[in-house]
PDB file of all heavy atoms in Angstrom:
ATOM      1  N   TRP A   1      -3.822   7.857   4.564  1.00  0.00           N
ATOM      2  CA  TRP A   1      -4.010   7.024   3.332  1.00  0.00           C
ATOM      3  C   TRP A   1      -4.865   7.861   2.372  1.00  0.00           C
ATOM      4  O   TRP A   1      -6.014   8.227   2.671  1.00  0.00           O
ATOM      5  CB  TRP A   1      -4.731   5.762   3.695  1.00  0.00           C
ATOM      6  CG  TRP A   1      -4.944   4.774   2.536  1.00  0.00           C
ATOM      7  CD1 TRP A   1      -5.927   4.836   1.609  1.00  0.00           C
ATOM      8  CD2 TRP A   1      -4.135   3.675   2.260  1.00  0.00           C
ATOM      9  NE1 TRP A   1      -5.788   3.812   0.721  1.00  0.00           N
ATOM     10  CE2 TRP A   1      -4.695   3.066   1.076  1.00  0.00           C
ATOM     11  CE3 TRP A   1      -3.005   3.078   2.808  1.00  0.00           C
ATOM     12  CZ2 TRP A   1      -4.166   1.934   0.484  1.00  0.00           C
ATOM     13  CZ3 TRP A   1      -2.474   1.932   2.216  1.00  0.00           C
ATOM     14  CH2 TRP A   1      -3.067   1.367   1.063  1.00  0.00           C
ATOM     15  N   VAL A   2      -4.289   8.133   1.177  1.00  0.00           N
ATOM     16  CA  VAL A   2      -4.982   8.960   0.194  1.00  0.00           C
ATOM     17  C   VAL A   2      -5.466   8.068  -0.979  1.00  0.00           C
ATOM     18  O   VAL A   2      -4.685   7.299  -1.532  1.00  0.00           O
ATOM     19  CB  VAL A   2      -4.064  10.038  -0.335  1.00  0.00           C
ATOM     20  CG1 VAL A   2      -4.817  10.956  -1.330  1.00  0.00           C
ATOM     21  CG2 VAL A   2      -3.486  10.882   0.803  1.00  0.00           C
ATOM     22  N   THR A   3      -6.723   8.224  -1.326  1.00  0.00           N
ATOM     23  CA  THR A   3      -7.294   7.489  -2.453  1.00  0.00           C
ATOM     24  C   THR A   3      -7.320   8.377  -3.714  1.00  0.00           C
ATOM     25  O   THR A   3      -7.326   9.599  -3.612  1.00  0.00           O
ATOM     26  CB  THR A   3      -8.764   7.063  -2.156  1.00  0.00           C
ATOM     27  OG1 THR A   3      -9.551   8.227  -1.910  1.00  0.00           O
ATOM     28  CG2 THR A   3      -8.784   6.110  -0.956  1.00  0.00           C
ATOM     29  N   ARG A   4      -7.277   7.716  -4.860  1.00  0.00           N
ATOM     30  CA  ARG A   4      -7.427   8.404  -6.147  1.00  0.00           C
ATOM     31  C   ARG A   4      -8.393   7.605  -6.965  1.00  0.00           C
ATOM     32  O   ARG A   4      -8.094   6.456  -7.362  1.00  0.00           O
ATOM     33  CB  ARG A   4      -6.068   8.502  -6.875  1.00  0.00           C
ATOM     34  CG  ARG A   4      -6.189   9.267  -8.233  1.00  0.00           C
ATOM     35  CD  ARG A   4      -4.894   9.127  -9.038  1.00  0.00           C
ATOM     36  NE  ARG A   4      -4.886   9.898 -10.243  1.00  0.00           N
ATOM     37  CZ  ARG A   4      -5.435   9.518 -11.389  1.00  0.00           C
ATOM     38  NH1 ARG A   4      -6.046   8.329 -11.495  1.00  0.00           N
ATOM     39  NH2 ARG A   4      -5.396  10.288 -12.457  1.00  0.00           N
ATOM     40  N   ILE A   5      -9.573   8.146  -7.209  1.00  0.00           N
ATOM     41  CA  ILE A   5     -10.678   7.392  -7.877  1.00  0.00           C
ATOM     42  C   ILE A   5     -11.290   8.285  -8.955  1.00  0.00           C
ATOM     43  O   ILE A   5     -11.868   9.304  -8.694  1.00  0.00           O
ATOM     44  CB  ILE A   5     -11.725   7.001  -6.848  1.00  0.00           C
ATOM     45  CG1 ILE A   5     -11.140   6.021  -5.813  1.00  0.00           C
ATOM     46  CG2 ILE A   5     -12.914   6.332  -7.568  1.00  0.00           C
ATOM     47  CD1 ILE A   5     -12.049   5.712  -4.667  1.00  0.00           C
ATOM     48  N   ARG A   6     -11.151   7.825 -10.210  1.00  0.00           N
ATOM     49  CA  ARG A   6     -11.759   8.544 -11.327  1.00  0.00           C
ATOM     50  C   ARG A   6     -12.580   7.683 -12.243  1.00  0.00           C
ATOM     51  O   ARG A   6     -13.127   8.193 -13.254  1.00  0.00           O
ATOM     52  CB  ARG A   6     -10.661   9.270 -12.115  1.00  0.00           C
ATOM     53  CG  ARG A   6      -9.900  10.274 -11.262  1.00  0.00           C
ATOM     54  CD  ARG A   6      -8.958  11.141 -12.068  1.00  0.00           C
ATOM     55  NE  ARG A   6      -8.263  12.083 -11.181  1.00  0.00           N
ATOM     56  CZ  ARG A   6      -7.447  13.032 -11.600  1.00  0.00           C
ATOM     57  NH1 ARG A   6      -7.171  13.125 -12.903  1.00  0.00           N
ATOM     58  NH2 ARG A   6      -6.832  13.876 -10.747  1.00  0.00           N
ATOM     59  N   THR A   7     -12.658   6.399 -11.959  1.00  0.00           N
ATOM     60  CA  THR A   7     -13.532   5.521 -12.722  1.00  0.00           C
ATOM     61  C   THR A   7     -14.207   4.503 -11.761  1.00  0.00           C
ATOM     62  O   THR A   7     -13.753   4.346 -10.592  1.00  0.00           O
ATOM     63  CB  THR A   7     -12.763   4.706 -13.776  1.00  0.00           C
ATOM     64  OG1 THR A   7     -11.879   3.750 -13.098  1.00  0.00           O
ATOM     65  CG2 THR A   7     -11.933   5.590 -14.683  1.00  0.00           C
ATOM     66  N   VAL A   8     -15.219   3.826 -12.227  1.00  0.00           N
ATOM     67  CA  VAL A   8     -15.874   2.825 -11.376  1.00  0.00           C
ATOM     68  C   VAL A   8     -14.926   1.684 -11.047  1.00  0.00           C
ATOM     69  O   VAL A   8     -14.849   1.237  -9.904  1.00  0.00           O
ATOM     70  CB  VAL A   8     -17.124   2.286 -12.130  1.00  0.00           C
ATOM     71  CG1 VAL A   8     -17.713   1.118 -11.327  1.00  0.00           C
ATOM     72  CG2 VAL A   8     -18.171   3.383 -12.295  1.00  0.00           C
ATOM     73  N   ASP A   9     -14.136   1.264 -12.026  1.00  0.00           N
ATOM     74  CA  ASP A   9     -13.194   0.150 -11.731  1.00  0.00           C
ATOM     75  C   ASP A   9     -12.148   0.599 -10.734  1.00  0.00           C
ATOM     76  O   ASP A   9     -11.722  -0.204  -9.887  1.00  0.00           O
ATOM     77  CB  ASP A   9     -12.508  -0.302 -13.035  1.00  0.00           C
ATOM     78  CG  ASP A   9     -13.443  -1.098 -13.919  1.00  0.00           C
ATOM     79  OD1 ASP A   9     -14.440  -1.646 -13.397  1.00  0.00           O
ATOM     80  OD2 ASP A   9     -13.222  -1.210 -15.151  1.00  0.00           O
ATOM     81  N   GLU A  10     -11.674   1.838 -10.855  1.00  0.00           N
ATOM     82  CA  GLU A  10     -10.689   2.341  -9.842  1.00  0.00           C
ATOM     83  C   GLU A  10     -11.321   2.389  -8.476  1.00  0.00           C
ATOM     84  O   GLU A  10     -10.649   2.120  -7.454  1.00  0.00           O
ATOM     85  CB  GLU A  10     -10.220   3.727 -10.234  1.00  0.00           C
ATOM     86  CG  GLU A  10      -9.178   3.776 -11.312  1.00  0.00           C
ATOM     87  CD  GLU A  10      -8.702   5.161 -11.627  1.00  0.00           C
ATOM     88  OE1 GLU A  10      -9.263   6.128 -11.110  1.00  0.00           O
ATOM     89  OE2 GLU A  10      -7.687   5.265 -12.371  1.00  0.00           O
ATOM     90  N   ALA A  11     -12.625   2.683  -8.403  1.00  0.00           N
ATOM     91  CA  ALA A  11     -13.296   2.695  -7.116  1.00  0.00           C
ATOM     92  C   ALA A  11     -13.253   1.318  -6.439  1.00  0.00           C
ATOM     93  O   ALA A  11     -12.945   1.181  -5.245  1.00  0.00           O
ATOM     94  CB  ALA A  11     -14.750   3.143  -7.273  1.00  0.00           C
ATOM     95  N   PHE A  12     -13.552   0.292  -7.223  1.00  0.00           N
ATOM     96  CA  PHE A  12     -13.528  -1.056  -6.620  1.00  0.00           C
ATOM     97  C   PHE A  12     -12.141  -1.442  -6.149  1.00  0.00           C
ATOM     98  O   PHE A  12     -11.981  -1.966  -5.058  1.00  0.00           O
ATOM     99  CB  PHE A  12     -14.046  -2.074  -7.659  1.00  0.00           C
ATOM    100  CG  PHE A  12     -15.456  -1.899  -8.063  1.00  0.00           C
ATOM    101  CD1 PHE A  12     -15.900  -2.070  -9.365  1.00  0.00           C
ATOM    102  CD2 PHE A  12     -16.428  -1.562  -7.110  1.00  0.00           C
ATOM    103  CE1 PHE A  12     -17.190  -1.898  -9.726  1.00  0.00           C
ATOM    104  CE2 PHE A  12     -17.749  -1.401  -7.455  1.00  0.00           C
ATOM    105  CZ  PHE A  12     -18.160  -1.575  -8.781  1.00  0.00           C
ATOM    106  N   THR A  13     -11.118  -1.169  -6.981  1.00  0.00           N
ATOM    107  CA  THR A  13      -9.765  -1.508  -6.614  1.00  0.00           C
ATOM    108  C   THR A  13      -9.291  -0.710  -5.390  1.00  0.00           C
ATOM    109  O   THR A  13      -8.717  -1.245  -4.443  1.00  0.00           O
ATOM    110  CB  THR A  13      -8.798  -1.237  -7.761  1.00  0.00           C
ATOM    111  OG1 THR A  13      -9.205  -2.019  -8.896  1.00  0.00           O
ATOM    112  CG2 THR A  13      -7.367  -1.580  -7.415  1.00  0.00           C
ATOM    113  N   SER A  14      -9.582   0.619  -5.403  1.00  0.00           N
ATOM    114  CA  SER A  14      -9.123   1.471  -4.326  1.00  0.00           C
ATOM    115  C   SER A  14      -9.839   1.153  -3.023  1.00  0.00           C
ATOM    116  O   SER A  14      -9.184   1.084  -1.953  1.00  0.00           O
ATOM    117  CB  SER A  14      -9.416   2.920  -4.709  1.00  0.00           C
ATOM    118  OG  SER A  14      -8.986   3.789  -3.681  1.00  0.00           O
ATOM    119  N   LEU A  15     -11.152   0.907  -3.043  1.00  0.00           N
ATOM    120  CA  LEU A  15     -11.835   0.561  -1.827  1.00  0.00           C
ATOM    121  C   LEU A  15     -11.384  -0.734  -1.243  1.00  0.00           C
ATOM    122  O   LEU A  15     -11.260  -0.891  -0.026  1.00  0.00           O
ATOM    123  CB  LEU A  15     -13.327   0.518  -2.101  1.00  0.00           C
ATOM    124  CG  LEU A  15     -14.040   1.903  -2.369  1.00  0.00           C
ATOM    125  CD1 LEU A  15     -15.454   1.661  -2.904  1.00  0.00           C
ATOM    126  CD2 LEU A  15     -14.049   2.739  -1.101  1.00  0.00           C
ATOM    127  N   ASP A  16     -11.123  -1.724  -2.077  1.00  0.00           N
ATOM    128  CA  ASP A  16     -10.662  -3.016  -1.621  1.00  0.00           C
ATOM    129  C   ASP A  16      -9.315  -2.859  -0.923  1.00  0.00           C
ATOM    130  O   ASP A  16      -9.123  -3.393   0.178  1.00  0.00           O
ATOM    131  CB  ASP A  16     -10.514  -3.981  -2.819  1.00  0.00           C
ATOM    132  CG  ASP A  16      -9.940  -5.313  -2.386  1.00  0.00           C
ATOM    133  OD1 ASP A  16     -10.663  -6.079  -1.745  1.00  0.00           O
ATOM    134  OD2 ASP A  16      -8.757  -5.592  -2.722  1.00  0.00           O
ATOM    135  N   ARG A  17      -8.395  -2.098  -1.518  1.00  0.00           N
ATOM    136  CA  ARG A  17      -7.061  -1.882  -0.872  1.00  0.00           C
ATOM    137  C   ARG A  17      -7.217  -1.056   0.385  1.00  0.00           C
ATOM    138  O   ARG A  17      -6.554  -1.362   1.401  1.00  0.00           O
ATOM    139  CB  ARG A  17      -6.137  -1.173  -1.847  1.00  0.00           C
ATOM    140  CG  ARG A  17      -5.727  -2.020  -3.055  1.00  0.00           C
ATOM    141  CD  ARG A  17      -4.690  -1.314  -3.909  1.00  0.00           C
ATOM    142  NE  ARG A  17      -3.467  -1.126  -3.164  1.00  0.00           N
ATOM    143  CZ  ARG A  17      -2.974   0.063  -2.800  1.00  0.00           C
ATOM    144  NH1 ARG A  17      -3.623   1.181  -3.057  1.00  0.00           N
ATOM    145  NH2 ARG A  17      -1.830   0.138  -2.147  1.00  0.00           N
ATOM    146  N   MET A  18      -7.995  -0.020   0.355  1.00  0.00           N
ATOM    147  CA  MET A  18      -8.163   0.817   1.539  1.00  0.00           C
ATOM    148  C   MET A  18      -8.668   0.020   2.709  1.00  0.00           C
ATOM    149  O   MET A  18      -8.122   0.126   3.846  1.00  0.00           O
ATOM    150  CB  MET A  18      -9.090   2.013   1.216  1.00  0.00           C
ATOM    151  CG  MET A  18      -9.273   2.943   2.385  1.00  0.00           C
ATOM    152  SD  MET A  18     -10.663   4.098   2.124  1.00  0.00           S
ATOM    153  CE  MET A  18     -12.060   3.013   2.584  1.00  0.00           C
ATOM    154  N   LEU A  19      -9.709  -0.773   2.472  1.00  0.00           N
ATOM    155  CA  LEU A  19     -10.333  -1.502   3.597  1.00  0.00           C
ATOM    156  C   LEU A  19      -9.390  -2.639   4.118  1.00  0.00           C
ATOM    157  O   LEU A  19      -9.248  -2.808   5.311  1.00  0.00           O
ATOM    158  CB  LEU A  19     -11.701  -2.043   3.177  1.00  0.00           C
ATOM    159  CG  LEU A  19     -12.770  -0.964   2.936  1.00  0.00           C
ATOM    160  CD1 LEU A  19     -13.970  -1.576   2.228  1.00  0.00           C
ATOM    161  CD2 LEU A  19     -13.104  -0.258   4.230  1.00  0.00           C
ATOM    162  N   ARG A  20      -8.813  -3.356   3.179  1.00  0.00           N
ATOM    163  CA  ARG A  20      -7.983  -4.517   3.565  1.00  0.00           C
ATOM    164  C   ARG A  20      -6.611  -4.047   4.142  1.00  0.00           C
ATOM    165  O   ARG A  20      -6.163  -4.613   5.129  1.00  0.00           O
ATOM    166  CB  ARG A  20      -7.786  -5.436   2.427  1.00  0.00           C
ATOM    167  CG  ARG A  20      -9.013  -6.219   2.003  1.00  0.00           C
ATOM    168  CD  ARG A  20      -8.712  -7.336   1.032  1.00  0.00           C
ATOM    169  NE  ARG A  20      -8.051  -6.833  -0.199  1.00  0.00           N
ATOM    170  CZ  ARG A  20      -6.749  -6.964  -0.406  1.00  0.00           C
ATOM    171  NH1 ARG A  20      -5.967  -7.552   0.465  1.00  0.00           N
ATOM    172  NH2 ARG A  20      -6.229  -6.472  -1.544  1.00  0.00           N
ATOM    173  N   VAL A  21      -6.007  -3.080   3.461  1.00  0.00           N
ATOM    174  CA  VAL A  21      -4.640  -2.698   3.869  1.00  0.00           C
ATOM    175  C   VAL A  21      -4.633  -1.551   4.877  1.00  0.00           C
ATOM    176  O   VAL A  21      -4.020  -1.670   5.940  1.00  0.00           O
ATOM    177  CB  VAL A  21      -3.824  -2.286   2.596  1.00  0.00           C
ATOM    178  CG1 VAL A  21      -2.410  -1.851   3.005  1.00  0.00           C
ATOM    179  CG2 VAL A  21      -3.776  -3.434   1.589  1.00  0.00           C
ATOM    180  N   ALA A  22      -5.310  -0.457   4.550  1.00  0.00           N
ATOM    181  CA  ALA A  22      -5.277   0.718   5.448  1.00  0.00           C
ATOM    182  C   ALA A  22      -6.090   0.501   6.701  1.00  0.00           C
ATOM    183  O   ALA A  22      -5.725   0.973   7.762  1.00  0.00           O
ATOM    184  CB  ALA A  22      -5.774   1.937   4.725  1.00  0.00           C
ATOM    185  N   CYS A  23      -7.217  -0.239   6.632  1.00  0.00           N
ATOM    186  CA  CYS A  23      -8.081  -0.417   7.774  1.00  0.00           C
ATOM    187  C   CYS A  23      -7.939  -1.803   8.440  1.00  0.00           C
ATOM    188  O   CYS A  23      -8.616  -2.083   9.419  1.00  0.00           O
ATOM    189  CB  CYS A  23      -9.559  -0.211   7.341  1.00  0.00           C
ATOM    190  SG  CYS A  23      -9.891   1.438   6.693  1.00  0.00           S
ATOM    191  N   ARG A  24      -7.144  -2.681   7.823  1.00  0.00           N
ATOM    192  CA  ARG A  24      -6.915  -4.029   8.362  1.00  0.00           C
ATOM    193  C   ARG A  24      -8.211  -4.773   8.506  1.00  0.00           C
ATOM    194  O   ARG A  24      -8.425  -5.509   9.484  1.00  0.00           O
ATOM    195  CB  ARG A  24      -6.174  -3.965   9.671  1.00  0.00           C
ATOM    196  CG  ARG A  24      -4.920  -3.138   9.718  1.00  0.00           C
ATOM    197  CD  ARG A  24      -3.834  -3.687   8.781  1.00  0.00           C
ATOM    198  NE  ARG A  24      -2.533  -3.107   9.081  1.00  0.00           N
ATOM    199  CZ  ARG A  24      -1.457  -3.164   8.253  1.00  0.00           C
ATOM    200  NH1 ARG A  24      -1.612  -3.806   7.086  1.00  0.00           N
ATOM    201  NH2 ARG A  24      -0.337  -2.668   8.613  1.00  0.00           N
ATOM    202  N   ALA A  25      -9.121  -4.624   7.506  1.00  0.00           N
ATOM    203  CA  ALA A  25     -10.411  -5.277   7.609  1.00  0.00           C
ATOM    204  C   ALA A  25     -10.542  -6.355   6.493  1.00  0.00           C
ATOM    205  O   ALA A  25      -9.918  -6.246   5.448  1.00  0.00           O
ATOM    206  CB  ALA A  25     -11.553  -4.256   7.418  1.00  0.00           C
ATOM    207  N   PRO A  26     -11.379  -7.342   6.708  1.00  0.00           N
ATOM    208  CA  PRO A  26     -11.654  -8.318   5.636  1.00  0.00           C
ATOM    209  C   PRO A  26     -12.475  -7.632   4.541  1.00  0.00           C
ATOM    210  O   PRO A  26     -13.169  -6.655   4.810  1.00  0.00           O
ATOM    211  CB  PRO A  26     -12.442  -9.440   6.334  1.00  0.00           C
ATOM    212  CG  PRO A  26     -13.059  -8.749   7.515  1.00  0.00           C
ATOM    213  CD  PRO A  26     -12.070  -7.694   7.941  1.00  0.00           C
ATOM    214  N   ARG A  27     -12.393  -8.164   3.331  1.00  0.00           N
ATOM    215  CA  ARG A  27     -13.185  -7.577   2.231  1.00  0.00           C
ATOM    216  C   ARG A  27     -14.655  -7.752   2.577  1.00  0.00           C
ATOM    217  O   ARG A  27     -15.134  -8.816   2.832  1.00  0.00           O
ATOM    218  CB  ARG A  27     -12.857  -8.317   0.913  1.00  0.00           C
ATOM    219  CG  ARG A  27     -13.637  -7.793  -0.305  1.00  0.00           C
ATOM    220  CD  ARG A  27     -13.280  -8.578  -1.549  1.00  0.00           C
ATOM    221  NE  ARG A  27     -14.178  -8.334  -2.620  1.00  0.00           N
ATOM    222  CZ  ARG A  27     -14.002  -7.364  -3.555  1.00  0.00           C
ATOM    223  NH1 ARG A  27     -12.914  -6.578  -3.487  1.00  0.00           N
ATOM    224  NH2 ARG A  27     -14.870  -7.140  -4.536  1.00  0.00           N
ATOM    225  N   PRO A  28     -15.426  -6.658   2.488  1.00  0.00           N
ATOM    226  CA  PRO A  28     -16.849  -6.717   2.892  1.00  0.00           C
ATOM    227  C   PRO A  28     -17.731  -7.278   1.765  1.00  0.00           C
ATOM    228  O   PRO A  28     -17.459  -7.113   0.562  1.00  0.00           O
ATOM    229  CB  PRO A  28     -17.207  -5.283   3.175  1.00  0.00           C
ATOM    230  CG  PRO A  28     -16.287  -4.485   2.281  1.00  0.00           C
ATOM    231  CD  PRO A  28     -14.999  -5.246   2.225  1.00  0.00           C
ATOM    232  N   ALA A  29     -18.846  -7.866   2.150  1.00  0.00           N
ATOM    233  CA  ALA A  29     -19.792  -8.405   1.199  1.00  0.00           C
ATOM    234  C   ALA A  29     -20.406  -7.334   0.328  1.00  0.00           C
ATOM    235  O   ALA A  29     -20.697  -7.586  -0.852  1.00  0.00           O
ATOM    236  CB  ALA A  29     -20.901  -9.210   1.945  1.00  0.00           C
ATOM    237  N   TRP A  30     -20.595  -6.130   0.844  1.00  0.00           N
ATOM    238  CA  TRP A  30     -21.222  -5.062   0.071  1.00  0.00           C
ATOM    239  C   TRP A  30     -20.370  -4.680  -1.153  1.00  0.00           C
ATOM    240  O   TRP A  30     -20.888  -4.274  -2.161  1.00  0.00           O
ATOM    241  CB  TRP A  30     -21.573  -3.862   0.870  1.00  0.00           C
ATOM    242  CG  TRP A  30     -20.407  -3.078   1.494  1.00  0.00           C
ATOM    243  CD1 TRP A  30     -19.952  -3.127   2.804  1.00  0.00           C
ATOM    244  CD2 TRP A  30     -19.534  -2.159   0.829  1.00  0.00           C
ATOM    245  NE1 TRP A  30     -18.888  -2.327   2.977  1.00  0.00           N
ATOM    246  CE2 TRP A  30     -18.592  -1.697   1.804  1.00  0.00           C
ATOM    247  CE3 TRP A  30     -19.422  -1.652  -0.475  1.00  0.00           C
ATOM    248  CZ2 TRP A  30     -17.599  -0.749   1.494  1.00  0.00           C
ATOM    249  CZ3 TRP A  30     -18.431  -0.755  -0.801  1.00  0.00           C
ATOM    250  CH2 TRP A  30     -17.555  -0.299   0.189  1.00  0.00           C
ATOM    251  N   LEU A  31     -19.051  -4.857  -1.015  1.00  0.00           N
ATOM    252  CA  LEU A  31     -18.183  -4.545  -2.154  1.00  0.00           C
ATOM    253  C   LEU A  31     -18.362  -5.567  -3.268  1.00  0.00           C
ATOM    254  O   LEU A  31     -18.355  -5.207  -4.438  1.00  0.00           O
ATOM    255  CB  LEU A  31     -16.708  -4.478  -1.686  1.00  0.00           C
ATOM    256  CG  LEU A  31     -15.711  -3.968  -2.689  1.00  0.00           C
ATOM    257  CD1 LEU A  31     -16.114  -2.600  -3.266  1.00  0.00           C
ATOM    258  CD2 LEU A  31     -14.330  -3.855  -2.032  1.00  0.00           C
ATOM    259  N   ASP A  32     -18.554  -6.834  -2.905  1.00  0.00           N
ATOM    260  CA  ASP A  32     -18.820  -7.837  -3.900  1.00  0.00           C
ATOM    261  C   ASP A  32     -20.145  -7.561  -4.604  1.00  0.00           C
ATOM    262  O   ASP A  32     -20.291  -7.690  -5.813  1.00  0.00           O
ATOM    263  CB  ASP A  32     -18.873  -9.226  -3.256  1.00  0.00           C
ATOM    264  CG  ASP A  32     -17.531  -9.694  -2.734  1.00  0.00           C
ATOM    265  OD1 ASP A  32     -16.503  -9.346  -3.348  1.00  0.00           O
ATOM    266  OD2 ASP A  32     -17.499 -10.431  -1.719  1.00  0.00           O
TER     267      ASP A  32
END
């Protein structure tokens, strides 16, 4: 799973997808 992050907003979107989809994890509180 490859991420592409060049802005803060992209970081939030990418991390959310990576954790929920690639890692099969619930969205973490630290991301909120």
